[in-house]
Amino acid sequence: MVWKISILQKAEKDLEWFRKHERSRYVKCFDFVRELAKAPRSGTGKPERLKYFDREVWSRRVSHEHRLVYVIYAKEGLIEVISCKSHYQNKV
């Protein structure tokens, strides 16, 4: 199954920031998105399902500080990328 990917506005802004300031992390995020289209629950970046959500929310490590966070909608075959930067509260 090939999943449909939707990148939300917050994630678009995060990607733009990475593109301007941390090019290697920008590329890494796009590598993750390519992997999501094939296998959203496995692959690189240590995929981890986040607890305490009503939906199927996952994250992958972009760096020690940053996480790519996404929601899987299995019935629709859709993945929404929510954010790519500052999963933790530290703001860069």
Protein backbone atom coordinates (compact mmCIF):
# COMPACT_ATOMS: atom_id res chain seq x y z
CA MET A 1 0.00 0.00 0.00
CA VAL A 2 1.24 3.47 -0.85
CA TRP A 3 0.07 6.06 1.68
CA LYS A 4 -1.10 9.55 0.76
CA ILE A 5 0.92 12.25 2.59
CA SER A 6 -0.43 15.61 3.76
CA ILE A 7 1.98 18.16 5.25
CA LEU A 8 0.19 20.57 7.58
CA GLN A 9 1.02 24.29 7.81
CA LYS A 10 3.11 23.99 11.01
CA ALA A 11 5.24 21.29 9.39
CA GLU A 12 5.64 23.45 6.25
CA LYS A 13 6.99 26.28 8.42
CA ASP A 14 9.33 23.88 10.22
CA LEU A 15 10.66 22.57 6.90
CA GLU A 16 11.20 26.12 5.67
CA TRP A 17 13.19 26.92 8.83
CA PHE A 18 15.35 23.81 8.35
CA ARG A 19 15.87 24.68 4.68
CA LYS A 20 17.27 28.08 5.65
CA HIS A 21 19.21 27.15 8.81
CA GLU A 22 19.95 23.41 8.99
CA ARG A 23 20.06 21.93 5.50
CA SER A 24 21.03 18.40 6.60
CA ARG A 25 17.94 18.13 8.82
CA TYR A 26 15.80 19.45 5.98
CA VAL A 27 17.02 16.60 3.79
CA LYS A 28 16.53 14.08 6.60
CA CYS A 29 12.89 15.15 7.03
CA PHE A 30 12.23 14.57 3.33
CA ASP A 31 13.87 11.16 3.54
CA PHE A 32 11.46 10.34 6.37
CA VAL A 33 8.47 11.54 4.34
CA ARG A 34 9.49 9.26 1.46
CA GLU A 35 9.67 6.34 3.90
CA LEU A 36 6.27 7.23 5.38
CA ALA A 37 4.63 6.73 2.00
CA LYS A 38 5.76 3.08 2.05
CA ALA A 39 5.91 2.05 5.73
CA PRO A 40 4.78 4.61 8.33
CA ARG A 41 5.26 2.33 11.33
CA SER A 42 8.81 1.14 10.59
CA GLY A 43 12.07 2.42 9.11
CA THR A 44 14.75 4.90 10.12
CA GLY A 45 14.49 7.56 12.80
CA LYS A 46 13.30 5.09 15.46
CA PRO A 47 9.54 5.32 14.76
CA GLU A 48 7.64 5.42 18.03
CA ARG A 49 3.92 5.49 18.66
CA LEU A 50 3.07 8.29 21.09
CA LYS A 51 0.88 7.39 24.05
CA TYR A 52 -2.17 9.17 25.40
CA PHE A 53 -3.66 10.20 22.04
CA ASP A 54 -7.05 9.14 20.68
CA ARG A 55 -5.54 8.85 17.21
CA GLU A 56 -2.54 6.90 15.94
CA VAL A 57 0.21 9.51 16.47
CA TRP A 58 3.86 8.62 15.75
CA SER A 59 7.24 10.35 15.85
CA ARG A 60 10.67 9.85 14.28
CA ARG A 61 13.94 11.36 15.48
CA VAL A 62 15.31 14.10 13.25
CA SER A 63 17.91 14.94 15.93
CA HIS A 64 18.27 14.81 19.70
CA GLU A 65 15.96 17.82 19.98
CA HIS A 66 13.71 17.61 16.91
CA ARG A 67 11.05 15.04 15.96
CA LEU A 68 8.93 14.53 12.89
CA VAL A 69 5.42 13.98 14.31
CA TYR A 70 2.63 12.50 12.20
CA VAL A 71 -0.83 10.96 12.42
CA ILE A 72 -1.82 7.77 10.59
CA TYR A 73 -5.39 7.43 9.30
CA ALA A 74 -5.43 3.77 8.26
CA LYS A 75 -8.97 3.67 6.82
CA GLU A 76 -8.31 6.64 4.56
CA GLY A 77 -4.75 5.58 3.68
CA LEU A 78 -3.60 9.04 4.78
CA ILE A 79 -0.70 10.35 6.85
CA GLU A 80 -0.68 13.94 8.17
CA VAL A 81 2.72 15.35 9.04
CA ILE A 82 2.06 17.69 11.96
CA SER A 83 5.52 19.06 12.77
CA CYS A 84 9.22 18.50 12.17
CA LYS A 85 10.88 20.83 14.65
CA SER A 86 11.05 21.21 18.44
CA HIS A 87 9.04 18.21 19.59
CA TYR A 88 10.28 19.14 23.04
CA GLN A 89 9.53 22.53 24.54
CA ASN A 90 12.98 24.01 23.84
CA LYS A 91 12.64 26.65 21.13
CA VAL A 92 15.58 27.27 18.81
